[in-house]
Amino acid sequence: MTIDKLGPIDSISKYNKTEKVSKPKKKDSSDSISFSEEARSKGEIYKATEEAKLAPEVRLDRVAEVKKKLEDPAYIDDKVVESVADSVLDLFQI
C-alpha cells in the first residue's frame, strides 16, 4: 500500500512558527499634571485660609487703645518717636 501526499507539509509548519514580538515604544520619561483654573483658585483660597489660621490673633482692645493714644497730639513726642523707631529697628534686626 502506498500513501500519496495529500498536501504540502509546509502549510502546517506555518502555524507552528512564532513571529518576533516587537518591543513597546518608550514614551517620554517625564510625567505631567495640569490643574483647572477653578482648582487653582480653590488652592489659593485654601492656602490663604491656612496662613490665616497660623497667624497670631489680633487684639482689638489693644488696637483701639493705640488708636485713641495716637489721636491725642500731646502723646506723640520725641520720646515716643524714638521708642517706636527703636522697636522697628529691633524687629528688622538693623
N, C-alpha and C. Protein backbone atom coordinates (compact mmCIF):
# COMPACT_ATOMS: atom_id res chain seq x y z
N MET A 1 0.83 -1.16 0.00
CA MET A 1 0.00 0.00 0.00
C MET A 1 0.89 1.23 0.00
N THR A 2 0.52 2.15 -0.79
CA THR A 2 1.28 3.39 -0.88
C THR A 2 0.38 4.56 -0.47
N ILE A 3 0.98 5.49 0.21
CA ILE A 3 0.23 6.70 0.61
C ILE A 3 0.79 7.86 -0.18
N ASP A 4 -0.09 8.48 -0.87
CA ASP A 4 0.31 9.66 -1.62
C ASP A 4 0.21 10.90 -0.72
N LYS A 5 0.97 11.86 -1.06
CA LYS A 5 0.92 13.13 -0.33
C LYS A 5 -0.42 13.79 -0.54
N LEU A 6 -1.00 14.24 0.55
CA LEU A 6 -2.27 14.97 0.43
C LEU A 6 -2.03 16.46 0.20
N GLY A 7 -1.02 16.94 0.70
CA GLY A 7 -0.71 18.36 0.53
C GLY A 7 0.68 18.64 1.08
N PRO A 8 1.11 19.83 0.88
CA PRO A 8 2.47 20.14 1.38
C PRO A 8 2.51 20.19 2.90
N ILE A 9 3.58 19.71 3.44
CA ILE A 9 3.77 19.72 4.88
C ILE A 9 4.08 21.13 5.37
N ASP A 10 4.53 21.95 4.51
CA ASP A 10 4.88 23.33 4.87
C ASP A 10 3.68 24.11 5.39
N SER A 11 2.50 23.80 4.95
CA SER A 11 1.33 24.56 5.39
C SER A 11 1.12 24.41 6.90
N ILE A 12 1.44 23.27 7.47
CA ILE A 12 1.30 23.08 8.91
C ILE A 12 2.44 23.79 9.64
N SER A 13 3.58 23.78 9.07
CA SER A 13 4.73 24.40 9.73
C SER A 13 4.56 25.91 9.84
N LYS A 14 3.73 26.51 8.98
CA LYS A 14 3.49 27.95 9.08
C LYS A 14 2.82 28.29 10.41
N TYR A 15 1.94 27.43 10.86
CA TYR A 15 1.21 27.70 12.09
C TYR A 15 2.06 27.47 13.33
N ASN A 16 3.05 26.66 13.20
CA ASN A 16 3.91 26.37 14.34
C ASN A 16 4.98 27.43 14.56
N LYS A 17 5.26 28.22 13.57
CA LYS A 17 6.29 29.25 13.70
C LYS A 17 5.71 30.44 14.47
N THR A 18 6.53 30.99 15.33
CA THR A 18 6.11 32.18 16.06
C THR A 18 6.79 33.39 15.45
N GLU A 19 6.08 34.48 15.47
CA GLU A 19 6.64 35.72 14.93
C GLU A 19 7.35 36.46 16.04
N LYS A 20 8.32 37.22 15.67
CA LYS A 20 9.05 38.00 16.66
C LYS A 20 8.13 39.10 17.20
N VAL A 21 8.19 39.26 18.49
CA VAL A 21 7.37 40.29 19.15
C VAL A 21 8.17 41.58 19.17
N SER A 22 7.54 42.63 18.75
CA SER A 22 8.23 43.92 18.75
C SER A 22 8.17 44.52 20.15
N LYS A 23 9.21 45.21 20.53
CA LYS A 23 9.28 45.84 21.83
C LYS A 23 8.37 47.07 21.84
N PRO A 24 7.73 47.32 22.96
CA PRO A 24 6.87 48.50 23.03
C PRO A 24 7.71 49.78 22.93
N LYS A 25 7.14 50.77 22.31
CA LYS A 25 7.85 52.04 22.15
C LYS A 25 7.88 52.76 23.49
N LYS A 26 9.02 53.33 23.77
CA LYS A 26 9.17 54.07 25.03
C LYS A 26 8.60 55.47 24.86
N LYS A 27 7.86 55.88 25.87
CA LYS A 27 7.33 57.23 25.88
C LYS A 27 8.30 58.12 26.64
N ASP A 28 8.03 59.40 26.63
CA ASP A 28 8.86 60.32 27.40
C ASP A 28 8.83 59.91 28.86
N SER A 29 9.95 60.03 29.51
CA SER A 29 10.03 59.59 30.90
C SER A 29 9.44 60.60 31.87
N SER A 30 9.09 61.77 31.41
CA SER A 30 8.55 62.78 32.32
C SER A 30 7.03 62.73 32.34
N ASP A 31 6.48 62.80 33.55
CA ASP A 31 5.04 62.86 33.72
C ASP A 31 4.65 64.31 33.91
N SER A 32 3.42 64.61 33.63
CA SER A 32 2.96 65.97 33.84
C SER A 32 1.54 65.94 34.37
N ILE A 33 1.18 67.02 35.00
CA ILE A 33 -0.16 67.16 35.55
C ILE A 33 -0.59 68.60 35.34
N SER A 34 -1.86 68.80 35.08
CA SER A 34 -2.36 70.16 34.90
C SER A 34 -3.63 70.33 35.72
N PHE A 35 -3.82 71.53 36.23
CA PHE A 35 -4.97 71.84 37.06
C PHE A 35 -5.86 72.85 36.36
N SER A 36 -7.14 72.73 36.59
CA SER A 36 -8.08 73.68 36.02
C SER A 36 -7.97 75.01 36.77
N GLU A 37 -8.50 76.05 36.18
CA GLU A 37 -8.46 77.37 36.80
C GLU A 37 -9.23 77.35 38.13
N GLU A 38 -10.33 76.61 38.16
CA GLU A 38 -11.12 76.52 39.39
C GLU A 38 -10.32 75.84 40.50
N ALA A 39 -9.59 74.80 40.16
CA ALA A 39 -8.77 74.11 41.16
C ALA A 39 -7.67 75.03 41.68
N ARG A 40 -7.07 75.82 40.80
CA ARG A 40 -6.02 76.75 41.22
C ARG A 40 -6.57 77.78 42.19
N SER A 41 -7.74 78.34 41.88
CA SER A 41 -8.31 79.37 42.76
C SER A 41 -8.70 78.77 44.10
N LYS A 42 -9.25 77.55 44.10
CA LYS A 42 -9.59 76.91 45.37
C LYS A 42 -8.32 76.60 46.18
N GLY A 43 -7.25 76.25 45.50
CA GLY A 43 -5.98 76.01 46.18
C GLY A 43 -5.44 77.28 46.83
N GLU A 44 -5.57 78.40 46.13
CA GLU A 44 -5.12 79.67 46.69
C GLU A 44 -5.95 80.05 47.91
N ILE A 45 -7.25 79.81 47.83
CA ILE A 45 -8.13 80.12 48.97
C ILE A 45 -7.75 79.23 50.16
N TYR A 46 -7.52 77.96 49.90
CA TYR A 46 -7.13 77.04 50.97
C TYR A 46 -5.82 77.49 51.62
N LYS A 47 -4.85 77.87 50.79
CA LYS A 47 -3.55 78.30 51.30
C LYS A 47 -3.70 79.55 52.16
N ALA A 48 -4.49 80.50 51.71
CA ALA A 48 -4.70 81.73 52.48
C ALA A 48 -5.41 81.44 53.80
N THR A 49 -6.36 80.52 53.77
CA THR A 49 -7.07 80.15 54.99
C THR A 49 -6.12 79.52 56.00
N GLU A 50 -5.25 78.64 55.53
CA GLU A 50 -4.29 78.00 56.42
C GLU A 50 -3.31 79.02 57.01
N GLU A 51 -2.86 79.98 56.19
CA GLU A 51 -1.95 81.01 56.69
C GLU A 51 -2.65 81.88 57.73
N ALA A 52 -3.93 82.16 57.51
CA ALA A 52 -4.69 82.97 58.48
C ALA A 52 -4.84 82.23 59.80
N LYS A 53 -5.00 80.91 59.73
CA LYS A 53 -5.13 80.12 60.96
C LYS A 53 -3.83 80.15 61.77
N LEU A 54 -2.69 80.20 61.07
CA LEU A 54 -1.40 80.19 61.74
C LEU A 54 -0.98 81.57 62.24
N ALA A 55 -1.61 82.63 61.73
CA ALA A 55 -1.25 84.00 62.12
C ALA A 55 -1.67 84.25 63.56
N PRO A 56 -0.90 85.09 64.26
CA PRO A 56 -1.30 85.42 65.63
C PRO A 56 -2.60 86.22 65.64
N GLU A 57 -3.33 86.07 66.72
CA GLU A 57 -4.61 86.75 66.82
C GLU A 57 -4.40 88.25 67.00
N VAL A 58 -5.32 89.04 66.48
CA VAL A 58 -5.27 90.49 66.62
C VAL A 58 -6.03 90.86 67.88
N ARG A 59 -5.38 91.62 68.71
CA ARG A 59 -6.03 92.06 69.94
C ARG A 59 -6.72 93.39 69.68
N LEU A 60 -8.01 93.33 69.44
CA LEU A 60 -8.77 94.52 69.08
C LEU A 60 -8.78 95.55 70.20
N ASP A 61 -8.75 95.11 71.44
CA ASP A 61 -8.72 96.06 72.55
C ASP A 61 -7.43 96.87 72.55
N ARG A 62 -6.32 96.21 72.22
CA ARG A 62 -5.03 96.90 72.16
C ARG A 62 -4.99 97.87 70.98
N VAL A 63 -5.55 97.47 69.85
CA VAL A 63 -5.59 98.33 68.66
C VAL A 63 -6.40 99.58 68.97
N ALA A 64 -7.55 99.43 69.62
CA ALA A 64 -8.38 100.58 69.98
C ALA A 64 -7.64 101.51 70.94
N GLU A 65 -6.89 100.93 71.87
CA GLU A 65 -6.13 101.74 72.83
C GLU A 65 -5.07 102.58 72.12
N VAL A 66 -4.35 101.97 71.19
CA VAL A 66 -3.30 102.68 70.47
C VAL A 66 -3.90 103.76 69.57
N LYS A 67 -5.03 103.48 68.92
CA LYS A 67 -5.68 104.49 68.09
C LYS A 67 -6.08 105.70 68.92
N LYS A 68 -6.59 105.44 70.11
CA LYS A 68 -7.01 106.53 71.00
C LYS A 68 -5.81 107.39 71.40
N LYS A 69 -4.68 106.73 71.70
CA LYS A 69 -3.48 107.48 72.08
C LYS A 69 -2.95 108.30 70.91
N LEU A 70 -3.02 107.75 69.71
CA LEU A 70 -2.49 108.47 68.54
C LEU A 70 -3.34 109.68 68.17
N GLU A 71 -4.60 109.69 68.54
CA GLU A 71 -5.46 110.84 68.26
C GLU A 71 -5.08 112.04 69.12
N ASP A 72 -4.46 111.80 70.26
CA ASP A 72 -4.04 112.88 71.16
C ASP A 72 -2.72 113.45 70.65
N PRO A 73 -2.69 114.74 70.23
CA PRO A 73 -1.44 115.31 69.70
C PRO A 73 -0.34 115.43 70.75
N ALA A 74 -0.69 115.48 72.01
CA ALA A 74 0.33 115.60 73.06
C ALA A 74 1.05 114.27 73.28
N TYR A 75 0.46 113.18 72.84
CA TYR A 75 1.06 111.86 73.06
C TYR A 75 2.31 111.66 72.22
N ILE A 76 2.27 112.16 70.99
CA ILE A 76 3.39 111.95 70.08
C ILE A 76 4.46 113.01 70.36
N ASP A 77 5.55 112.60 71.00
CA ASP A 77 6.68 113.49 71.22
C ASP A 77 7.95 112.75 70.81
N ASP A 78 9.08 113.36 71.03
CA ASP A 78 10.35 112.75 70.60
C ASP A 78 10.63 111.42 71.28
N LYS A 79 10.21 111.30 72.53
CA LYS A 79 10.45 110.08 73.27
C LYS A 79 9.68 108.91 72.64
N VAL A 80 8.44 109.15 72.28
CA VAL A 80 7.61 108.10 71.65
C VAL A 80 8.16 107.75 70.27
N VAL A 81 8.54 108.75 69.49
CA VAL A 81 9.08 108.51 68.15
C VAL A 81 10.35 107.67 68.24
N GLU A 82 11.23 108.00 69.17
CA GLU A 82 12.47 107.23 69.33
C GLU A 82 12.16 105.79 69.76
N SER A 83 11.20 105.64 70.65
CA SER A 83 10.84 104.31 71.13
C SER A 83 10.30 103.44 69.98
N VAL A 84 9.44 104.04 69.16
CA VAL A 84 8.88 103.31 68.02
C VAL A 84 9.98 102.98 67.01
N ALA A 85 10.85 103.94 66.75
CA ALA A 85 11.95 103.71 65.80
C ALA A 85 12.85 102.58 66.30
N ASP A 86 13.16 102.58 67.59
CA ASP A 86 13.98 101.50 68.14
C ASP A 86 13.29 100.14 68.01
N SER A 87 12.00 100.13 68.26
CA SER A 87 11.25 98.87 68.13
C SER A 87 11.25 98.36 66.70
N VAL A 88 11.10 99.27 65.75
CA VAL A 88 11.11 98.88 64.32
C VAL A 88 12.49 98.35 63.94
N LEU A 89 13.53 99.03 64.37
CA LEU A 89 14.89 98.57 64.07
C LEU A 89 15.17 97.21 64.69
N ASP A 90 14.69 96.99 65.91
CA ASP A 90 14.87 95.69 66.54
C ASP A 90 14.10 94.61 65.81
N LEU A 91 12.92 94.97 65.35
CA LEU A 91 12.07 93.99 64.64
C LEU A 91 12.75 93.52 63.36
N PHE A 92 13.35 94.45 62.63
CA PHE A 92 14.02 94.09 61.37
C PHE A 92 15.49 93.77 61.57
N GLN A 93 15.94 93.75 62.81
CA GLN A 93 17.32 93.42 63.17
C GLN A 93 18.33 94.27 62.41
N ILE A 94 18.11 95.56 62.46
CA ILE A 94 19.00 96.52 61.78
C ILE A 94 19.91 97.16 62.81
